[in-house]
Amino acid sequence: MQYETIGVIGAGAWGTALAQTAASAGRDVLLWSYEQDVAEAINNKRCNTIYLPEVELHGAIEATTAMGDLDACDAILAVAPAQHLRRVLESFLPFAAPGVPIVLCAKGIEQSSLSMMTEVLAETIPSALPAVLSGPSFAIDTAKGLPTAVTLACEDETAGAGLIEALGTPRFRPYLVNDLVGAEVGGAIKNVLAIGCGISEGRGLGKSAHAALIARGFAEMTRLALALGAERETLAGLCGLGDLVLTCSSPQSRNMSCGMALGRGVHLDDILSERRAVTEGVASAPAVVALAQRHGIDMPICQAVDDILAGRSSVEAAIDTLLSRPFTLEHV
């Protein structure tokens, strides 16, 4: 399958970066923006001056605020934030061609329904061919053409190979799997864990604690993913362990930087009020915890992060609760 025209829904930093790499791969790209000023800046200044001001954009990218303009695109990248994806897909439904591939690029779990993004897609545009793009990738790195590797999950191997051909370049390398659940769960949970790692960093708990949080967080991620039907190998790859390590290791991550501020004593409302971009882990934390409880999965780190975000626990009390847990076997 060949996908020559790519539609991108969502002109934030990540949507713009994906538009850039698709254009660099030789595709014509139509980038839908909710915000008129963002679309005008892209078309007139060749730059997303709001969300990705450091990068001059490829000439093959055109921005629009009319969802209907995407109706003739061969494939769609859905990059709207997870908590807004349902509404955005409902808006696209009248223009979605039957069988069009929709690649889900948002990393999160819907709070209201505890649905994964593939479930949201199945409910809103059931005729679409679902795929998931996830992995260790900062928007600025991708947009600048720095080497990046990601997971592309698609059950239809032919369509998946076509999407990789359409999006891949020597410096943007998608690896194909057929495990959509694993790709989604890894991307959603790592954001919550990154807030936890940021709290540890902001509190000055040291690199040993940081490493322990990543490793034990990965165990939590794997337990829930397996309960939801994912494959262990997927979680050990780019969209699981790879994305977890990146997001938990750099203040460039919005989730980790949010946690760092929380660890230093800044109130969550004050942190979020200074940001225009979404911090996905804040919205996903209660959904991750609720989903874990539904399946009887123990996720103490995610629970601690959610308690802090919800104001049910102070940072100090949450840390004490984690450190006072009973000793146990590592692989349980």
C-alpha atoms as a PDB file:
ATOM      1  CA  MET A   1       0.000   0.000   0.000  1.00  0.00           C
ATOM      2  CA  GLN A   2       1.182   3.503  -0.810  1.00  0.00           C
ATOM      3  CA  TYR A   3       0.259   6.545   1.227  1.00  0.00           C
ATOM      4  CA  GLU A   4       1.314   9.678  -0.619  1.00  0.00           C
ATOM      5  CA  THR A   5      -0.797  12.298   1.167  1.00  0.00           C
ATOM      6  CA  ILE A   6      -0.699  12.354   4.963  1.00  0.00           C
ATOM      7  CA  GLY A   7      -3.195  14.222   7.097  1.00  0.00           C
ATOM      8  CA  VAL A   8      -2.133  15.200  10.621  1.00  0.00           C
ATOM      9  CA  ILE A   9      -4.818  16.077  13.167  1.00  0.00           C
ATOM     10  CA  GLY A  10      -3.270  18.284  15.827  1.00  0.00           C
ATOM     11  CA  ALA A  11      -0.698  21.035  15.319  1.00  0.00           C
ATOM     12  CA  GLY A  12       1.006  20.969  18.681  1.00  0.00           C
ATOM     13  CA  ALA A  13       4.729  20.266  18.923  1.00  0.00           C
ATOM     14  CA  TRP A  14       4.423  16.520  18.275  1.00  0.00           C
ATOM     15  CA  GLY A  15       1.888  16.843  15.453  1.00  0.00           C
ATOM     16  CA  THR A  16       4.080  19.447  13.782  1.00  0.00           C
ATOM     17  CA  ALA A  17       7.175  17.274  14.213  1.00  0.00           C
ATOM     18  CA  LEU A  18       5.410  14.298  12.628  1.00  0.00           C
ATOM     19  CA  ALA A  19       4.242  16.503   9.768  1.00  0.00           C
ATOM     20  CA  GLN A  20       7.861  17.558   9.283  1.00  0.00           C
ATOM     21  CA  THR A  21       9.176  14.007   9.139  1.00  0.00           C
ATOM     22  CA  ALA A  22       6.393  12.872   6.791  1.00  0.00           C
ATOM     23  CA  ALA A  23       7.246  15.760   4.471  1.00  0.00           C
ATOM     24  CA  SER A  24      10.937  14.858   4.717  1.00  0.00           C
ATOM     25  CA  ALA A  25       9.973  11.329   3.649  1.00  0.00           C
ATOM     26  CA  GLY A  26       8.530  12.785   0.440  1.00  0.00           C
ATOM     27  CA  ARG A  27       4.842  13.001   1.346  1.00  0.00           C
ATOM     28  CA  ASP A  28       2.445  15.876   0.871  1.00  0.00           C
ATOM     29  CA  VAL A  29       1.200  16.804   4.326  1.00  0.00           C
ATOM     30  CA  LEU A  30      -1.981  18.556   5.414  1.00  0.00           C
ATOM     31  CA  LEU A  31      -1.784  19.635   9.055  1.00  0.00           C
ATOM     32  CA  TRP A  32      -5.050  20.430  10.828  1.00  0.00           C
ATOM     33  CA  SER A  33      -4.857  23.020  13.602  1.00  0.00           C
ATOM     34  CA  TYR A  34      -7.579  23.939  16.073  1.00  0.00           C
ATOM     35  CA  GLU A  35      -5.976  27.368  16.430  1.00  0.00           C
ATOM     36  CA  GLN A  36      -6.174  29.816  13.556  1.00  0.00           C
ATOM     37  CA  ASP A  37      -3.022  31.692  14.545  1.00  0.00           C
ATOM     38  CA  VAL A  38      -0.999  28.462  14.478  1.00  0.00           C
ATOM     39  CA  ALA A  39      -2.247  27.578  10.988  1.00  0.00           C
ATOM     40  CA  GLU A  40      -1.524  31.070   9.683  1.00  0.00           C
ATOM     41  CA  ALA A  41       2.009  31.045  11.109  1.00  0.00           C
ATOM     42  CA  ILE A  42       2.738  27.666   9.504  1.00  0.00           C
ATOM     43  CA  ASN A  43       1.465  28.773   6.102  1.00  0.00           C
ATOM     44  CA  ASN A  44       2.872  32.288   6.098  1.00  0.00           C
ATOM     45  CA  LYS A  45       6.045  32.001   8.165  1.00  0.00           C
ATOM     46  CA  ARG A  46       6.886  28.301   7.619  1.00  0.00           C
ATOM     47  CA  CYS A  47       7.100  27.931  11.389  1.00  0.00           C
ATOM     48  CA  ASN A  48       4.829  26.847  14.236  1.00  0.00           C
ATOM     49  CA  THR A  49       5.635  29.932  16.275  1.00  0.00           C
ATOM     50  CA  ILE A  50       3.578  28.759  19.262  1.00  0.00           C
ATOM     51  CA  TYR A  51       4.532  25.117  19.779  1.00  0.00           C
ATOM     52  CA  LEU A  52       7.736  24.508  17.791  1.00  0.00           C
ATOM     53  CA  PRO A  53       9.338  27.888  17.087  1.00  0.00           C
ATOM     54  CA  GLU A  54      12.887  26.540  16.674  1.00  0.00           C
ATOM     55  CA  VAL A  55      12.240  24.695  13.395  1.00  0.00           C
ATOM     56  CA  GLU A  56      11.738  25.929   9.836  1.00  0.00           C
ATOM     57  CA  LEU A  57       9.037  23.751   8.321  1.00  0.00           C
ATOM     58  CA  HIS A  58       9.189  21.815   5.069  1.00  0.00           C
ATOM     59  CA  GLY A  59       7.494  23.372   2.056  1.00  0.00           C
ATOM     60  CA  ALA A  60       5.321  20.271   1.546  1.00  0.00           C
ATOM     61  CA  ILE A  61       3.378  21.040   4.747  1.00  0.00           C
ATOM     62  CA  GLU A  62       0.149  22.981   4.443  1.00  0.00           C
ATOM     63  CA  ALA A  63      -1.938  23.914   7.487  1.00  0.00           C
ATOM     64  CA  THR A  64      -5.717  24.157   7.661  1.00  0.00           C
ATOM     65  CA  THR A  65      -8.410  24.735  10.265  1.00  0.00           C
ATOM     66  CA  ALA A  66     -11.086  22.966   8.192  1.00  0.00           C
ATOM     67  CA  MET A  67     -11.384  19.301   9.168  1.00  0.00           C
ATOM     68  CA  GLY A  68     -13.086  18.510   5.873  1.00  0.00           C
ATOM     69  CA  ASP A  69      -9.892  19.330   3.987  1.00  0.00           C
ATOM     70  CA  LEU A  70      -8.458  16.021   5.228  1.00  0.00           C
ATOM     71  CA  ASP A  71     -11.069  13.912   3.431  1.00  0.00           C
ATOM     72  CA  ALA A  72      -8.799  12.960   0.519  1.00  0.00           C
ATOM     73  CA  CYS A  73      -5.714  12.078   2.589  1.00  0.00           C
ATOM     74  CA  ASP A  74      -4.406   8.543   2.143  1.00  0.00           C
ATOM     75  CA  ALA A  75      -3.633   8.147   5.864  1.00  0.00           C
ATOM     76  CA  ILE A  76      -4.251  10.150   9.021  1.00  0.00           C
ATOM     77  CA  LEU A  77      -2.027  10.737  12.032  1.00  0.00           C
ATOM     78  CA  ALA A  78      -4.248  11.583  15.026  1.00  0.00           C
ATOM     79  CA  VAL A  79      -2.111  13.648  17.393  1.00  0.00           C
ATOM     80  CA  ALA A  80      -4.774  15.421  19.468  1.00  0.00           C
ATOM     81  CA  PRO A  81      -4.304  15.072  23.254  1.00  0.00           C
ATOM     82  CA  ALA A  82      -5.776  11.873  24.675  1.00  0.00           C
ATOM     83  CA  GLN A  83      -8.543  13.567  26.664  1.00  0.00           C
ATOM     84  CA  HIS A  84      -9.733  15.438  23.556  1.00  0.00           C
ATOM     85  CA  LEU A  85      -9.291  12.668  20.998  1.00  0.00           C
ATOM     86  CA  ARG A  86     -12.889  11.428  21.090  1.00  0.00           C
ATOM     87  CA  ARG A  87     -14.296  14.856  20.291  1.00  0.00           C
ATOM     88  CA  VAL A  88     -11.760  15.407  17.518  1.00  0.00           C
ATOM     89  CA  LEU A  89     -12.421  12.023  15.915  1.00  0.00           C
ATOM     90  CA  GLU A  90     -16.167  12.658  16.055  1.00  0.00           C
ATOM     91  CA  SER A  91     -15.519  15.852  14.118  1.00  0.00           C
ATOM     92  CA  PHE A  92     -13.505  13.942  11.525  1.00  0.00           C
ATOM     93  CA  LEU A  93     -16.054  11.114  11.147  1.00  0.00           C
ATOM     94  CA  PRO A  94     -18.088  12.740   8.318  1.00  0.00           C
ATOM     95  CA  PHE A  95     -14.899  13.082   6.248  1.00  0.00           C
ATOM     96  CA  ALA A  96     -13.237   9.723   7.006  1.00  0.00           C
ATOM     97  CA  ALA A  97     -13.060   7.426   3.984  1.00  0.00           C
ATOM     98  CA  PRO A  98     -13.928   3.783   4.758  1.00  0.00           C
ATOM     99  CA  GLY A  99     -10.804   1.830   5.652  1.00  0.00           C
ATOM    100  CA  VAL A 100      -8.573   4.878   5.969  1.00  0.00           C
ATOM    101  CA  PRO A 101      -5.586   4.159   8.246  1.00  0.00           C
ATOM    102  CA  ILE A 102      -5.701   6.312  11.383  1.00  0.00           C
ATOM    103  CA  VAL A 103      -2.425   6.240  13.288  1.00  0.00           C
ATOM    104  CA  LEU A 104      -2.991   7.092  16.948  1.00  0.00           C
ATOM    105  CA  CYS A 105      -0.127   9.201  18.290  1.00  0.00           C
ATOM    106  CA  ALA A 106      -1.603  10.449  21.584  1.00  0.00           C
ATOM    107  CA  LYS A 107      -0.296   8.734  24.721  1.00  0.00           C
ATOM    108  CA  GLY A 108      -2.941   8.400  27.386  1.00  0.00           C
ATOM    109  CA  ILE A 109      -6.064   6.729  28.735  1.00  0.00           C
ATOM    110  CA  GLU A 110      -9.440   8.457  28.551  1.00  0.00           C
ATOM    111  CA  GLN A 111     -10.451   9.451  32.071  1.00  0.00           C
ATOM    112  CA  SER A 112     -14.212   9.274  31.639  1.00  0.00           C
ATOM    113  CA  SER A 113     -14.324   5.750  30.174  1.00  0.00           C
ATOM    114  CA  LEU A 114     -10.892   4.230  31.016  1.00  0.00           C
ATOM    115  CA  SER A 115     -10.637   3.517  27.283  1.00  0.00           C
ATOM    116  CA  MET A 116      -7.421   3.173  25.335  1.00  0.00           C
ATOM    117  CA  MET A 117      -7.136   5.336  22.238  1.00  0.00           C
ATOM    118  CA  THR A 118      -7.788   2.347  19.939  1.00  0.00           C
ATOM    119  CA  GLU A 119     -11.068   1.782  21.799  1.00  0.00           C
ATOM    120  CA  VAL A 120     -11.984   5.437  21.353  1.00  0.00           C
ATOM    121  CA  LEU A 121     -11.250   5.121  17.632  1.00  0.00           C
ATOM    122  CA  ALA A 122     -13.329   1.938  17.326  1.00  0.00           C
ATOM    123  CA  GLU A 123     -16.284   3.686  18.937  1.00  0.00           C
ATOM    124  CA  THR A 124     -16.055   6.895  16.900  1.00  0.00           C
ATOM    125  CA  ILE A 125     -14.817   5.773  13.449  1.00  0.00           C
ATOM    126  CA  PRO A 126     -15.336   1.991  13.374  1.00  0.00           C
ATOM    127  CA  SER A 127     -14.533   1.761   9.654  1.00  0.00           C
ATOM    128  CA  ALA A 128     -10.975   3.065  10.145  1.00  0.00           C
ATOM    129  CA  LEU A 129      -7.902   0.848  10.062  1.00  0.00           C
ATOM    130  CA  PRO A 130      -6.222   1.430  13.445  1.00  0.00           C
ATOM    131  CA  ALA A 131      -2.500   1.814  14.066  1.00  0.00           C
ATOM    132  CA  VAL A 132      -0.424   3.192  16.951  1.00  0.00           C
ATOM    133  CA  LEU A 133       2.790   5.205  16.796  1.00  0.00           C
ATOM    134  CA  SER A 134       4.745   5.386  20.048  1.00  0.00           C
ATOM    135  CA  GLY A 135       8.300   5.418  21.293  1.00  0.00           C
ATOM    136  CA  PRO A 136      11.146   7.521  22.698  1.00  0.00           C
ATOM    137  CA  SER A 137      10.824  10.705  20.665  1.00  0.00           C
ATOM    138  CA  PHE A 138      10.964  14.327  21.715  1.00  0.00           C
ATOM    139  CA  ALA A 139       9.224  16.575  19.201  1.00  0.00           C
ATOM    140  CA  ILE A 140      12.191  18.904  18.780  1.00  0.00           C
ATOM    141  CA  ASP A 141      14.562  16.006  18.051  1.00  0.00           C
ATOM    142  CA  THR A 142      12.221  14.551  15.436  1.00  0.00           C
ATOM    143  CA  ALA A 143      11.531  17.902  13.814  1.00  0.00           C
ATOM    144  CA  LYS A 144      15.261  18.702  13.557  1.00  0.00           C
ATOM    145  CA  GLY A 145      15.967  15.343  11.958  1.00  0.00           C
ATOM    146  CA  LEU A 146      17.976  13.941  14.849  1.00  0.00           C
ATOM    147  CA  PRO A 147      18.077  10.117  14.858  1.00  0.00           C
ATOM    148  CA  THR A 148      14.879   8.694  16.351  1.00  0.00           C
ATOM    149  CA  ALA A 149      13.414   5.179  16.497  1.00  0.00           C
ATOM    150  CA  VAL A 150       9.774   4.401  17.318  1.00  0.00           C
ATOM    151  CA  THR A 151       7.256   1.561  17.303  1.00  0.00           C
ATOM    152  CA  LEU A 152       4.474   1.434  14.741  1.00  0.00           C
ATOM    153  CA  ALA A 153       1.812  -1.084  15.747  1.00  0.00           C
ATOM    154  CA  CYS A 154      -0.667  -2.340  13.162  1.00  0.00           C
ATOM    155  CA  GLU A 155      -2.444  -5.685  12.912  1.00  0.00           C
ATOM    156  CA  ASP A 156      -2.543  -5.437   9.113  1.00  0.00           C
ATOM    157  CA  GLU A 157       1.053  -6.173   8.158  1.00  0.00           C
ATOM    158  CA  THR A 158       0.685  -4.838   4.602  1.00  0.00           C
ATOM    159  CA  ALA A 159      -0.808  -1.556   5.780  1.00  0.00           C
ATOM    160  CA  GLY A 160       1.796  -1.296   8.533  1.00  0.00           C
ATOM    161  CA  ALA A 161       4.616  -1.738   6.037  1.00  0.00           C
ATOM    162  CA  GLY A 162       3.044   0.912   3.829  1.00  0.00           C
ATOM    163  CA  LEU A 163       2.825   3.360   6.716  1.00  0.00           C
ATOM    164  CA  ILE A 164       6.466   2.773   7.603  1.00  0.00           C
ATOM    165  CA  GLU A 165       7.414   3.402   3.978  1.00  0.00           C
ATOM    166  CA  ALA A 166       5.380   6.620   4.022  1.00  0.00           C
ATOM    167  CA  LEU A 167       6.796   7.976   7.282  1.00  0.00           C
ATOM    168  CA  GLY A 168      10.228   6.442   7.650  1.00  0.00           C
ATOM    169  CA  THR A 169      13.508   8.137   6.803  1.00  0.00           C
ATOM    170  CA  PRO A 170      17.115   7.240   7.633  1.00  0.00           C
ATOM    171  CA  ARG A 171      16.751   9.435  10.739  1.00  0.00           C
ATOM    172  CA  PHE A 172      13.168   8.511  11.694  1.00  0.00           C
ATOM    173  CA  ARG A 173      13.006   4.736  11.979  1.00  0.00           C
ATOM    174  CA  PRO A 174       9.662   3.042  12.752  1.00  0.00           C
ATOM    175  CA  TYR A 175       9.779  -0.636  13.770  1.00  0.00           C
ATOM    176  CA  LEU A 176       6.658  -2.705  13.029  1.00  0.00           C
ATOM    177  CA  VAL A 177       4.767  -4.809  15.593  1.00  0.00           C
ATOM    178  CA  ASN A 178       1.186  -6.130  15.604  1.00  0.00           C
ATOM    179  CA  ASP A 179       0.560  -5.507  19.327  1.00  0.00           C
ATOM    180  CA  LEU A 180      -1.511  -2.329  19.545  1.00  0.00           C
ATOM    181  CA  VAL A 181      -2.335  -2.820  23.224  1.00  0.00           C
ATOM    182  CA  GLY A 182       1.311  -3.023  24.241  1.00  0.00           C
ATOM    183  CA  ALA A 183       2.218   0.066  22.235  1.00  0.00           C
ATOM    184  CA  GLU A 184      -0.623   2.045  23.816  1.00  0.00           C
ATOM    185  CA  VAL A 185      -0.171   0.954  27.426  1.00  0.00           C
ATOM    186  CA  GLY A 186       3.540   1.712  27.437  1.00  0.00           C
ATOM    187  CA  GLY A 187       2.990   5.218  26.094  1.00  0.00           C
ATOM    188  CA  ALA A 188       0.245   6.016  28.604  1.00  0.00           C
ATOM    189  CA  ILE A 189       1.861   4.710  31.778  1.00  0.00           C
ATOM    190  CA  LYS A 190       5.352   6.103  31.173  1.00  0.00           C
ATOM    191  CA  ASN A 191       3.974   9.632  31.465  1.00  0.00           C
ATOM    192  CA  VAL A 192       2.686   8.928  34.977  1.00  0.00           C
ATOM    193  CA  LEU A 193       5.957   7.304  35.984  1.00  0.00           C
ATOM    194  CA  ALA A 194       7.897  10.270  34.585  1.00  0.00           C
ATOM    195  CA  ILE A 195       6.052  12.557  36.981  1.00  0.00           C
ATOM    196  CA  GLY A 196       7.162  10.247  39.792  1.00  0.00           C
ATOM    197  CA  CYS A 197      10.782  10.344  38.629  1.00  0.00           C
ATOM    198  CA  GLY A 198      10.574  14.116  38.400  1.00  0.00           C
ATOM    199  CA  ILE A 199       9.280  14.328  41.967  1.00  0.00           C
ATOM    200  CA  SER A 200      12.229  12.224  43.118  1.00  0.00           C
ATOM    201  CA  GLU A 201      14.634  14.490  41.236  1.00  0.00           C
ATOM    202  CA  GLY A 202      13.036  17.671  42.524  1.00  0.00           C
ATOM    203  CA  ARG A 203      13.158  16.314  46.057  1.00  0.00           C
ATOM    204  CA  GLY A 204      16.846  15.503  45.719  1.00  0.00           C
ATOM    205  CA  LEU A 205      16.493  11.775  46.425  1.00  0.00           C
ATOM    206  CA  GLY A 206      19.487  10.866  44.253  1.00  0.00           C
ATOM    207  CA  LYS A 207      20.217   8.833  41.134  1.00  0.00           C
ATOM    208  CA  SER A 208      19.851   5.475  42.892  1.00  0.00           C
ATOM    209  CA  ALA A 209      16.249   6.267  43.741  1.00  0.00           C
ATOM    210  CA  HIS A 210      15.731   7.497  40.188  1.00  0.00           C
ATOM    211  CA  ALA A 211      16.976   4.209  38.736  1.00  0.00           C
ATOM    212  CA  ALA A 212      14.831   2.225  41.163  1.00  0.00           C
ATOM    213  CA  LEU A 213      11.726   4.158  40.119  1.00  0.00           C
ATOM    214  CA  ILE A 214      12.366   3.442  36.455  1.00  0.00           C
ATOM    215  CA  ALA A 215      12.919  -0.277  37.065  1.00  0.00           C
ATOM    216  CA  ARG A 216      10.011  -0.763  39.466  1.00  0.00           C
ATOM    217  CA  GLY A 217       7.847   1.483  37.299  1.00  0.00           C
ATOM    218  CA  PHE A 218       8.623  -0.739  34.337  1.00  0.00           C
ATOM    219  CA  ALA A 219       7.450  -3.716  36.409  1.00  0.00           C
ATOM    220  CA  GLU A 220       4.144  -1.904  37.083  1.00  0.00           C
ATOM    221  CA  MET A 221       3.756  -1.054  33.406  1.00  0.00           C
ATOM    222  CA  THR A 222       4.395  -4.640  32.379  1.00  0.00           C
ATOM    223  CA  ARG A 223       1.931  -6.100  34.902  1.00  0.00           C
ATOM    224  CA  LEU A 224      -0.935  -3.946  33.687  1.00  0.00           C
ATOM    225  CA  ALA A 225      -0.053  -4.362  30.019  1.00  0.00           C
ATOM    226  CA  LEU A 226      -0.043  -8.151  30.307  1.00  0.00           C
ATOM    227  CA  ALA A 227      -3.384  -8.052  32.124  1.00  0.00           C
ATOM    228  CA  LEU A 228      -4.809  -6.067  29.201  1.00  0.00           C
ATOM    229  CA  GLY A 229      -3.528  -8.601  26.669  1.00  0.00           C
ATOM    230  CA  ALA A 230      -0.235  -7.067  25.567  1.00  0.00           C
ATOM    231  CA  GLU A 231       2.893  -9.033  24.702  1.00  0.00           C
ATOM    232  CA  ARG A 232       5.869  -8.826  27.043  1.00  0.00           C
ATOM    233  CA  GLU A 233       8.264  -8.319  24.108  1.00  0.00           C
ATOM    234  CA  THR A 234       6.455  -5.131  23.093  1.00  0.00           C
ATOM    235  CA  LEU A 235       6.936  -3.612  26.534  1.00  0.00           C
ATOM    236  CA  ALA A 236      10.642  -4.427  26.399  1.00  0.00           C
ATOM    237  CA  GLY A 237      10.961  -2.464  23.159  1.00  0.00           C
ATOM    238  CA  LEU A 238      10.911   1.132  22.025  1.00  0.00           C
ATOM    239  CA  CYS A 239       7.320   1.939  22.979  1.00  0.00           C
ATOM    240  CA  GLY A 240       7.737   0.539  26.499  1.00  0.00           C
ATOM    241  CA  LEU A 241      11.171   0.525  28.079  1.00  0.00           C
ATOM    242  CA  GLY A 242      12.652   2.888  25.494  1.00  0.00           C
ATOM    243  CA  ASP A 243       9.998   5.558  25.955  1.00  0.00           C
ATOM    244  CA  LEU A 244      10.071   5.106  29.728  1.00  0.00           C
ATOM    245  CA  VAL A 245      13.819   5.703  29.943  1.00  0.00           C
ATOM    246  CA  LEU A 246      13.669   8.841  27.783  1.00  0.00           C
ATOM    247  CA  THR A 247      10.668  10.424  29.479  1.00  0.00           C
ATOM    248  CA  CYS A 248      11.924   9.665  32.985  1.00  0.00           C
ATOM    249  CA  SER A 249      15.426  10.978  32.347  1.00  0.00           C
ATOM    250  CA  SER A 250      15.128  14.472  30.922  1.00  0.00           C
ATOM    251  CA  PRO A 251      13.548  17.733  32.125  1.00  0.00           C
ATOM    252  CA  GLN A 252      12.743  18.252  28.436  1.00  0.00           C
ATOM    253  CA  SER A 253       9.805  15.937  29.147  1.00  0.00           C
ATOM    254  CA  ARG A 254       6.769  17.939  30.226  1.00  0.00           C
ATOM    255  CA  ASN A 255       5.821  15.125  32.590  1.00  0.00           C
ATOM    256  CA  MET A 256       9.195  14.906  34.285  1.00  0.00           C
ATOM    257  CA  SER A 257       9.519  18.675  34.552  1.00  0.00           C
ATOM    258  CA  CYS A 258       6.055  18.788  36.125  1.00  0.00           C
ATOM    259  CA  GLY A 259       7.186  16.239  38.697  1.00  0.00           C
ATOM    260  CA  MET A 260      10.399  18.149  39.383  1.00  0.00           C
ATOM    261  CA  ALA A 261       8.388  21.265  40.199  1.00  0.00           C
ATOM    262  CA  LEU A 262       6.057  19.255  42.437  1.00  0.00           C
ATOM    263  CA  GLY A 263       9.091  17.824  44.223  1.00  0.00           C
ATOM    264  CA  ARG A 264      10.348  21.346  44.872  1.00  0.00           C
ATOM    265  CA  GLY A 265       7.015  22.286  46.437  1.00  0.00           C
ATOM    266  CA  VAL A 266       5.293  24.119  43.575  1.00  0.00           C
ATOM    267  CA  HIS A 267       1.507  23.667  43.495  1.00  0.00           C
ATOM    268  CA  LEU A 268       0.119  21.702  40.542  1.00  0.00           C
ATOM    269  CA  ASP A 269      -2.263  24.482  39.494  1.00  0.00           C
ATOM    270  CA  ASP A 270       0.615  26.932  39.303  1.00  0.00           C
ATOM    271  CA  ILE A 271       2.654  24.512  37.176  1.00  0.00           C
ATOM    272  CA  LEU A 272      -0.143  23.882  34.684  1.00  0.00           C
ATOM    273  CA  SER A 273      -1.228  27.528  34.479  1.00  0.00           C
ATOM    274  CA  GLU A 274       2.149  28.443  32.968  1.00  0.00           C
ATOM    275  CA  ARG A 275       1.876  25.811  30.203  1.00  0.00           C
ATOM    276  CA  ARG A 276       0.059  25.968  26.904  1.00  0.00           C
ATOM    277  CA  ALA A 277       0.961  22.392  25.967  1.00  0.00           C
ATOM    278  CA  VAL A 278      -0.734  19.417  27.633  1.00  0.00           C
ATOM    279  CA  THR A 279       1.006  17.381  30.348  1.00  0.00           C
ATOM    280  CA  GLU A 280      -0.580  14.017  29.541  1.00  0.00           C
ATOM    281  CA  GLY A 281       0.495  12.199  32.705  1.00  0.00           C
ATOM    282  CA  VAL A 282      -1.604  14.477  34.911  1.00  0.00           C
ATOM    283  CA  ALA A 283      -4.786  13.458  33.109  1.00  0.00           C
ATOM    284  CA  SER A 284      -3.786   9.814  32.688  1.00  0.00           C
ATOM    285  CA  ALA A 285      -2.778   9.125  36.309  1.00  0.00           C
ATOM    286  CA  PRO A 286      -6.295   8.599  37.737  1.00  0.00           C
ATOM    287  CA  ALA A 287      -7.272   6.529  34.696  1.00  0.00           C
ATOM    288  CA  VAL A 288      -4.181   4.310  35.011  1.00  0.00           C
ATOM    289  CA  VAL A 289      -4.873   3.728  38.705  1.00  0.00           C
ATOM    290  CA  ALA A 290      -8.573   3.013  38.119  1.00  0.00           C
ATOM    291  CA  LEU A 291      -7.757   0.607  35.295  1.00  0.00           C
ATOM    292  CA  ALA A 292      -5.224  -1.187  37.505  1.00  0.00           C
ATOM    293  CA  GLN A 293      -7.791  -1.516  40.284  1.00  0.00           C
ATOM    294  CA  ARG A 294     -10.339  -2.902  37.817  1.00  0.00           C
ATOM    295  CA  HIS A 295      -7.892  -5.663  36.879  1.00  0.00           C
ATOM    296  CA  GLY A 296      -6.506  -6.239  40.359  1.00  0.00           C
ATOM    297  CA  ILE A 297      -3.006  -5.015  39.478  1.00  0.00           C
ATOM    298  CA  ASP A 298      -0.737  -3.512  42.149  1.00  0.00           C
ATOM    299  CA  MET A 299       0.799  -0.220  40.929  1.00  0.00           C
ATOM    300  CA  PRO A 300       2.096   1.589  44.036  1.00  0.00           C
ATOM    301  CA  ILE A 301       4.239   4.157  42.203  1.00  0.00           C
ATOM    302  CA  CYS A 302       1.403   5.212  39.920  1.00  0.00           C
ATOM    303  CA  GLN A 303      -0.915   5.270  42.942  1.00  0.00           C
ATOM    304  CA  ALA A 304       1.497   7.551  44.810  1.00  0.00           C
ATOM    305  CA  VAL A 305       1.720   9.933  41.835  1.00  0.00           C
ATOM    306  CA  ASP A 306      -2.061  10.039  41.521  1.00  0.00           C
ATOM    307  CA  ASP A 307      -2.463  10.706  45.253  1.00  0.00           C
ATOM    308  CA  ILE A 308      -0.054  13.643  45.022  1.00  0.00           C
ATOM    309  CA  LEU A 309      -1.710  15.084  41.909  1.00  0.00           C
ATOM    310  CA  ALA A 310      -5.183  14.756  43.462  1.00  0.00           C
ATOM    311  CA  GLY A 311      -4.079  16.385  46.709  1.00  0.00           C
ATOM    312  CA  ARG A 312      -4.823  13.264  48.769  1.00  0.00           C
ATOM    313  CA  SER A 313      -1.225  13.036  49.901  1.00  0.00           C
ATOM    314  CA  SER A 314       1.750  15.306  50.341  1.00  0.00           C
ATOM    315  CA  VAL A 315       4.940  14.496  48.469  1.00  0.00           C
ATOM    316  CA  GLU A 316       6.660  13.549  51.739  1.00  0.00           C
ATOM    317  CA  ALA A 317       3.831  11.278  52.863  1.00  0.00           C
ATOM    318  CA  ALA A 318       3.663   9.542  49.482  1.00  0.00           C
ATOM    319  CA  ILE A 319       7.412   8.885  49.556  1.00  0.00           C
ATOM    320  CA  ASP A 320       7.169   7.499  53.098  1.00  0.00           C
ATOM    321  CA  THR A 321       4.318   5.204  52.035  1.00  0.00           C
ATOM    322  CA  LEU A 322       6.376   3.783  49.177  1.00  0.00           C
ATOM    323  CA  LEU A 323       9.474   3.299  51.311  1.00  0.00           C
ATOM    324  CA  SER A 324       7.559   1.563  54.099  1.00  0.00           C
ATOM    325  CA  ARG A 325       6.041  -1.112  51.838  1.00  0.00           C
ATOM    326  CA  PRO A 326       6.854  -4.698  52.908  1.00  0.00           C
ATOM    327  CA  PHE A 327       9.890  -6.365  51.359  1.00  0.00           C
ATOM    328  CA  THR A 328       8.927  -8.877  48.689  1.00  0.00           C
ATOM    329  CA  LEU A 329      10.175 -10.935  45.779  1.00  0.00           C
ATOM    330  CA  GLU A 330      11.289  -8.850  42.814  1.00  0.00           C
ATOM    331  CA  HIS A 331       9.425 -10.760  40.103  1.00  0.00           C
ATOM    332  CA  VAL A 332       5.843 -10.852  41.295  1.00  0.00           C
END
